[in-house]
Amino acid sequence: MVNFVGAGCGASDLITIRGMKLIEKADVIIYAGSLVNSELLEYARPECEIYNSAYMNLDEVIGVMEKAEAVGKMTVRLHTGDSSIYGAVREQFDRLDKLGIKYQVCPGVSSFCGAAASLKAEYTLPDVSQTVIITRMAGRTPVPESEEIRKLATHGSTMVIFLSTGMLEKLSEELIAGGYSPDTPSAIVYKASWKDEKICRCRIKNLASTAKENNITKTALIIVGNFLGNDYSLSKLYDKHFETGFRKADIYK
């Protein structure tokens, strides 16, 4: 069995209990060494075989899994955050399906959740934004034309932008061209929840200069939207005048 495990957003205690237990039982671990906190490997048994996929291609990763499966070993494929977001897991699933190797997936805490926690922010505020767009700038990996940043920006919703720290001047231009005000509040969250986490708040127009001033060139999320401001409406969920299936409205107060 191969277990794909979301390592969480950084801090070693932000992995799920299920994920931690799978690491503890693993005979083989293949981890994304460029992004996964190596402290998580401390949960592994001393005799566990450990491979850093930062130095491996897809054929080599699958080869390790196939070899382990042939001798009845359990493999953990440890991905950063949650493997469903920019995890390149579908191609691994398809290869394992062809080989007849069984696998399962253990979710993790994505870095976009870790970043919100670090910012002490709520992405979805009444009368501000009820939609979160998770996306990236086109780079060596293209994006569909319909998902270009300036087109997504027309919605004016909360945006969490991965894998784009090295393109911030262009990102600002695209966001503004799509309709965001240059003064829209933004944040650059470097290595959310890690010990060397850094949070930089700025405006869309200042994203590139802010990153440069703080020497941030990679491993950061770019977060934009008016949810980072101070104006919003209170939710109906706890409004004393709002009736729910669990609570009657207090119409006299």
Protein backbone atom coordinates (compact mmCIF):
# COMPACT_ATOMS: atom_id res chain seq x y z
CA MET A 1 0.00 0.00 0.00
CA VAL A 2 1.13 3.51 -0.82
CA ASN A 3 -0.20 6.29 1.41
CA PHE A 4 -0.20 9.82 0.06
CA VAL A 5 -0.01 12.05 3.13
CA GLY A 6 -0.50 15.79 3.35
CA ALA A 7 2.33 17.04 5.56
CA GLY A 8 0.52 20.22 6.55
CA CYS A 9 1.59 23.80 6.01
CA GLY A 10 4.91 23.68 7.81
CA ALA A 11 4.99 23.24 11.58
CA SER A 12 5.59 19.60 12.44
CA ASP A 13 2.63 19.48 14.82
CA LEU A 14 0.19 20.64 12.13
CA ILE A 15 0.11 17.25 10.44
CA THR A 16 -3.05 15.24 11.07
CA ILE A 17 -3.00 12.47 13.67
CA ARG A 18 -3.71 9.97 10.88
CA GLY A 19 -0.81 11.32 8.85
CA MET A 20 1.55 11.12 11.81
CA LYS A 21 0.55 7.51 12.52
CA LEU A 22 1.16 6.55 8.90
CA ILE A 23 4.65 8.04 9.08
CA GLU A 24 5.29 6.10 12.28
CA LYS A 25 4.33 2.84 10.54
CA ALA A 26 6.04 3.49 7.20
CA ASP A 27 8.77 1.23 5.85
CA VAL A 28 9.58 3.74 3.10
CA ILE A 29 9.04 7.51 2.99
CA ILE A 30 9.37 9.65 -0.12
CA TYR A 31 9.08 13.28 0.91
CA ALA A 32 9.08 16.55 -1.00
CA GLY A 33 12.30 17.80 0.52
CA SER A 34 12.19 21.29 -0.96
CA LEU A 35 8.94 22.09 0.86
CA VAL A 36 8.20 19.57 3.61
CA ASN A 37 9.55 20.27 7.09
CA SER A 38 12.24 17.65 7.76
CA GLU A 39 11.20 17.59 11.45
CA LEU A 40 8.29 15.39 10.34
CA LEU A 41 10.79 12.64 9.57
CA GLU A 42 11.48 12.39 13.30
CA TYR A 43 8.18 10.48 13.57
CA ALA A 44 9.63 7.73 11.36
CA ARG A 45 11.17 4.51 12.66
CA PRO A 46 15.00 4.38 12.61
CA GLU A 47 14.99 1.59 10.03
CA CYS A 48 12.65 3.44 7.66
CA GLU A 49 14.09 4.09 4.17
CA ILE A 50 13.83 7.81 3.35
CA TYR A 51 14.04 9.39 -0.10
CA ASN A 52 14.02 13.09 -0.97
CA SER A 53 11.92 13.57 -4.11
CA ALA A 54 13.46 17.00 -4.76
CA TYR A 55 16.29 15.05 -6.41
CA MET A 56 14.07 12.51 -8.16
CA ASN A 57 12.01 12.42 -11.33
CA LEU A 58 8.62 10.72 -11.69
CA ASP A 59 10.07 7.44 -12.95
CA GLU A 60 12.42 7.27 -9.97
CA VAL A 61 9.62 8.01 -7.48
CA ILE A 62 7.40 5.32 -8.95
CA GLY A 63 10.36 2.95 -9.08
CA VAL A 64 10.87 3.24 -5.32
CA MET A 65 7.16 2.60 -4.71
CA GLU A 66 7.15 -0.41 -7.04
CA LYS A 67 10.23 -1.92 -5.39
CA ALA A 68 8.76 -1.44 -1.91
CA GLU A 69 5.44 -2.95 -2.94
CA ALA A 70 7.18 -6.02 -4.39
CA VAL A 71 8.52 -6.94 -0.94
CA GLY A 72 5.41 -5.99 1.04
CA LYS A 73 6.61 -2.67 2.42
CA MET A 74 4.31 0.25 3.20
CA THR A 75 5.24 3.53 1.55
CA VAL A 76 4.32 7.05 2.62
CA ARG A 77 4.49 9.68 -0.10
CA LEU A 78 4.74 12.87 1.93
CA HIS A 79 3.54 15.99 0.14
CA THR A 80 3.54 19.57 1.36
CA GLY A 81 0.28 21.08 2.63
CA ASP A 82 -2.59 19.12 1.14
CA SER A 83 -1.62 17.07 -1.89
CA SER A 84 -4.75 18.08 -3.82
CA ILE A 85 -3.37 21.60 -4.44
CA TYR A 86 -0.38 21.77 -6.81
CA GLY A 87 0.74 18.37 -5.55
CA ALA A 88 1.36 16.66 -8.92
CA VAL A 89 -0.34 13.57 -7.51
CA ARG A 90 -2.69 12.67 -10.37
CA GLU A 91 0.23 11.51 -12.52
CA GLN A 92 1.41 9.29 -9.67
CA PHE A 93 -2.08 7.85 -9.15
CA ASP A 94 -2.34 6.98 -12.84
CA ARG A 95 1.03 5.23 -12.85
CA LEU A 96 0.13 3.21 -9.76
CA ASP A 97 -3.23 2.26 -11.30
CA LYS A 98 -1.41 0.86 -14.34
CA LEU A 99 0.90 -1.13 -12.06
CA GLY A 100 -2.00 -2.45 -10.00
CA ILE A 101 -0.59 -0.91 -6.81
CA LYS A 102 -3.18 0.15 -4.25
CA TYR A 103 -2.99 3.60 -2.66
CA GLN A 104 -4.98 5.90 -0.45
CA VAL A 105 -4.86 9.59 0.43
CA CYS A 106 -4.63 11.29 3.82
CA PRO A 107 -5.51 15.02 3.61
CA GLY A 108 -3.40 17.74 5.14
CA VAL A 109 -3.63 21.38 6.19
CA SER A 110 -2.96 23.50 3.11
CA SER A 111 -0.67 26.50 3.35
CA PHE A 112 -3.57 28.77 2.40
CA CYS A 113 -5.25 27.71 5.66
CA GLY A 114 -1.99 28.16 7.57
CA ALA A 115 -1.57 31.63 6.09
CA ALA A 116 -5.07 32.68 7.18
CA ALA A 117 -4.29 31.49 10.70
CA SER A 118 -1.04 33.45 10.74
CA LEU A 119 -2.82 36.56 9.48
CA LYS A 120 -5.66 36.02 11.97
CA ALA A 121 -7.94 36.58 9.02
CA GLU A 122 -11.22 35.24 7.66
CA TYR A 123 -11.27 34.87 3.89
CA THR A 124 -15.07 35.03 3.65
CA LEU A 125 -16.61 38.11 5.23
CA PRO A 126 -20.25 39.18 4.73
CA ASP A 127 -20.61 42.03 2.22
CA VAL A 128 -16.90 41.76 1.34
CA SER A 129 -16.18 38.37 -0.22
CA GLN A 130 -17.86 34.99 -0.16
CA THR A 131 -15.49 33.39 -2.64
CA VAL A 132 -11.85 32.31 -2.41
CA ILE A 133 -9.91 31.87 -5.66
CA ILE A 134 -6.80 29.70 -5.38
CA THR A 135 -4.58 30.16 -8.41
CA ARG A 136 -1.10 30.86 -9.74
CA MET A 137 0.64 32.97 -12.33
CA ALA A 138 1.59 31.28 -15.59
CA GLY A 139 5.26 30.29 -15.59
CA ARG A 140 6.97 27.18 -16.89
CA THR A 141 3.63 25.54 -16.19
CA PRO A 142 1.00 27.44 -18.20
CA VAL A 143 -2.55 28.16 -17.04
CA PRO A 144 -5.67 27.94 -19.20
CA GLU A 145 -6.43 31.22 -20.98
CA SER A 146 -9.76 31.46 -19.18
CA GLU A 147 -7.91 31.39 -15.84
CA GLU A 148 -5.48 34.23 -16.45
CA ILE A 149 -5.00 36.39 -13.36
CA ARG A 150 -6.58 39.50 -14.88
CA LYS A 151 -9.71 37.52 -15.77
CA LEU A 152 -10.03 36.00 -12.32
CA ALA A 153 -9.44 39.44 -10.79
CA THR A 154 -12.64 40.77 -12.35
CA HIS A 155 -14.57 39.03 -9.58
CA GLY A 156 -12.96 41.19 -6.89
CA SER A 157 -13.07 38.25 -4.49
CA THR A 158 -10.42 36.94 -2.12
CA MET A 159 -7.45 35.55 -4.01
CA VAL A 160 -4.70 33.26 -2.74
CA ILE A 161 -1.88 33.05 -5.27
CA PHE A 162 0.62 30.21 -5.14
CA LEU A 163 3.96 29.78 -6.89
CA SER A 164 4.23 33.38 -8.06
CA THR A 165 6.64 35.14 -5.69
CA GLY A 166 9.21 35.62 -8.43
CA MET A 167 6.73 37.44 -10.68
CA LEU A 168 5.28 40.09 -8.40
CA GLU A 169 5.62 43.09 -10.68
CA LYS A 170 3.67 41.30 -13.40
CA LEU A 171 1.21 39.94 -10.83
CA SER A 172 0.41 43.45 -9.57
CA GLU A 173 -0.12 44.65 -13.13
CA GLU A 174 -2.48 41.78 -13.89
CA LEU A 175 -4.49 42.20 -10.69
CA ILE A 176 -4.93 45.92 -11.30
CA ALA A 177 -5.75 45.39 -14.98
CA GLY A 178 -8.45 42.96 -13.86
CA GLY A 179 -10.16 45.50 -11.66
CA TYR A 180 -8.58 45.55 -8.23
CA SER A 181 -7.70 48.98 -6.92
CA PRO A 182 -3.93 49.50 -6.60
CA ASP A 183 -4.59 50.17 -2.90
CA THR A 184 -6.34 46.86 -2.26
CA PRO A 185 -4.89 45.39 0.95
CA SER A 186 -2.57 42.44 0.42
CA ALA A 187 -0.19 40.18 2.28
CA ILE A 188 2.88 38.16 1.51
CA VAL A 189 3.11 35.17 3.85
CA TYR A 190 6.49 33.46 3.75
CA LYS A 191 6.58 29.86 5.06
CA ALA A 192 3.32 30.00 7.02
CA SER A 193 3.59 28.29 10.43
CA TRP A 194 7.33 27.55 10.06
CA LYS A 195 9.75 28.83 12.71
CA ASP A 196 11.09 31.40 10.23
CA GLU A 197 7.65 32.55 9.09
CA LYS A 198 7.43 36.12 7.89
CA ILE A 199 4.29 38.18 7.26
CA CYS A 200 4.41 41.36 5.19
CA ARG A 201 1.27 43.45 4.76
CA CYS A 202 1.09 45.91 1.90
CA ARG A 203 -1.05 47.07 -1.05
CA ILE A 204 -1.31 45.39 -4.43
CA LYS A 205 0.77 48.15 -5.98
CA ASN A 206 3.59 47.49 -3.50
CA LEU A 207 3.84 43.69 -3.71
CA ALA A 208 7.14 43.60 -5.61
CA SER A 209 8.87 46.28 -3.55
CA THR A 210 7.67 44.75 -0.28
CA ALA A 211 9.05 41.33 -1.22
CA LYS A 212 12.35 42.89 -2.27
CA GLU A 213 12.68 44.87 0.96
CA ASN A 214 12.13 41.68 2.97
CA ASN A 215 14.31 39.46 0.76
CA ILE A 216 11.44 37.12 -0.09
CA THR A 217 11.94 35.35 -3.40
CA LYS A 218 10.10 32.03 -3.00
CA THR A 219 8.06 29.80 -0.68
CA ALA A 220 5.44 32.49 -0.07
CA LEU A 221 1.75 32.95 -0.69
CA ILE A 222 0.37 36.18 -2.10
CA ILE A 223 -3.01 37.01 -0.64
CA VAL A 224 -5.17 39.88 -1.84
CA GLY A 225 -8.62 41.20 -1.10
CA ASN A 226 -10.65 43.60 0.96
CA PHE A 227 -11.16 40.95 3.63
CA LEU A 228 -7.80 42.23 4.91
CA GLY A 229 -9.42 45.61 5.54
CA ASN A 230 -11.62 46.68 8.43
CA ASP A 231 -15.07 47.06 6.86
CA TYR A 232 -17.50 44.15 6.87
CA SER A 233 -20.98 43.17 8.09
CA LEU A 234 -21.69 40.89 11.03
CA SER A 235 -22.81 37.38 10.12
CA LYS A 236 -26.42 36.27 10.44
CA LEU A 237 -25.29 33.06 12.14
CA TYR A 238 -25.06 34.66 15.58
CA ASP A 239 -27.47 37.56 15.04
CA LYS A 240 -30.01 37.44 17.88
CA HIS A 241 -32.73 38.50 15.45
CA PHE A 242 -31.94 35.63 13.06
CA GLU A 243 -33.72 32.30 13.57
CA THR A 244 -31.99 29.00 12.87
CA GLY A 245 -32.92 25.34 13.23
CA PHE A 246 -31.30 25.42 16.67
CA ARG A 247 -32.21 28.87 18.01
CA LYS A 248 -35.34 31.04 18.03
CA ALA A 249 -35.00 34.70 17.10
CA ASP A 250 -35.12 37.13 19.99
CA ILE A 251 -37.57 39.63 18.53
CA TYR A 252 -37.85 41.69 21.71
CA LYS A 253 -34.21 42.77 22.01
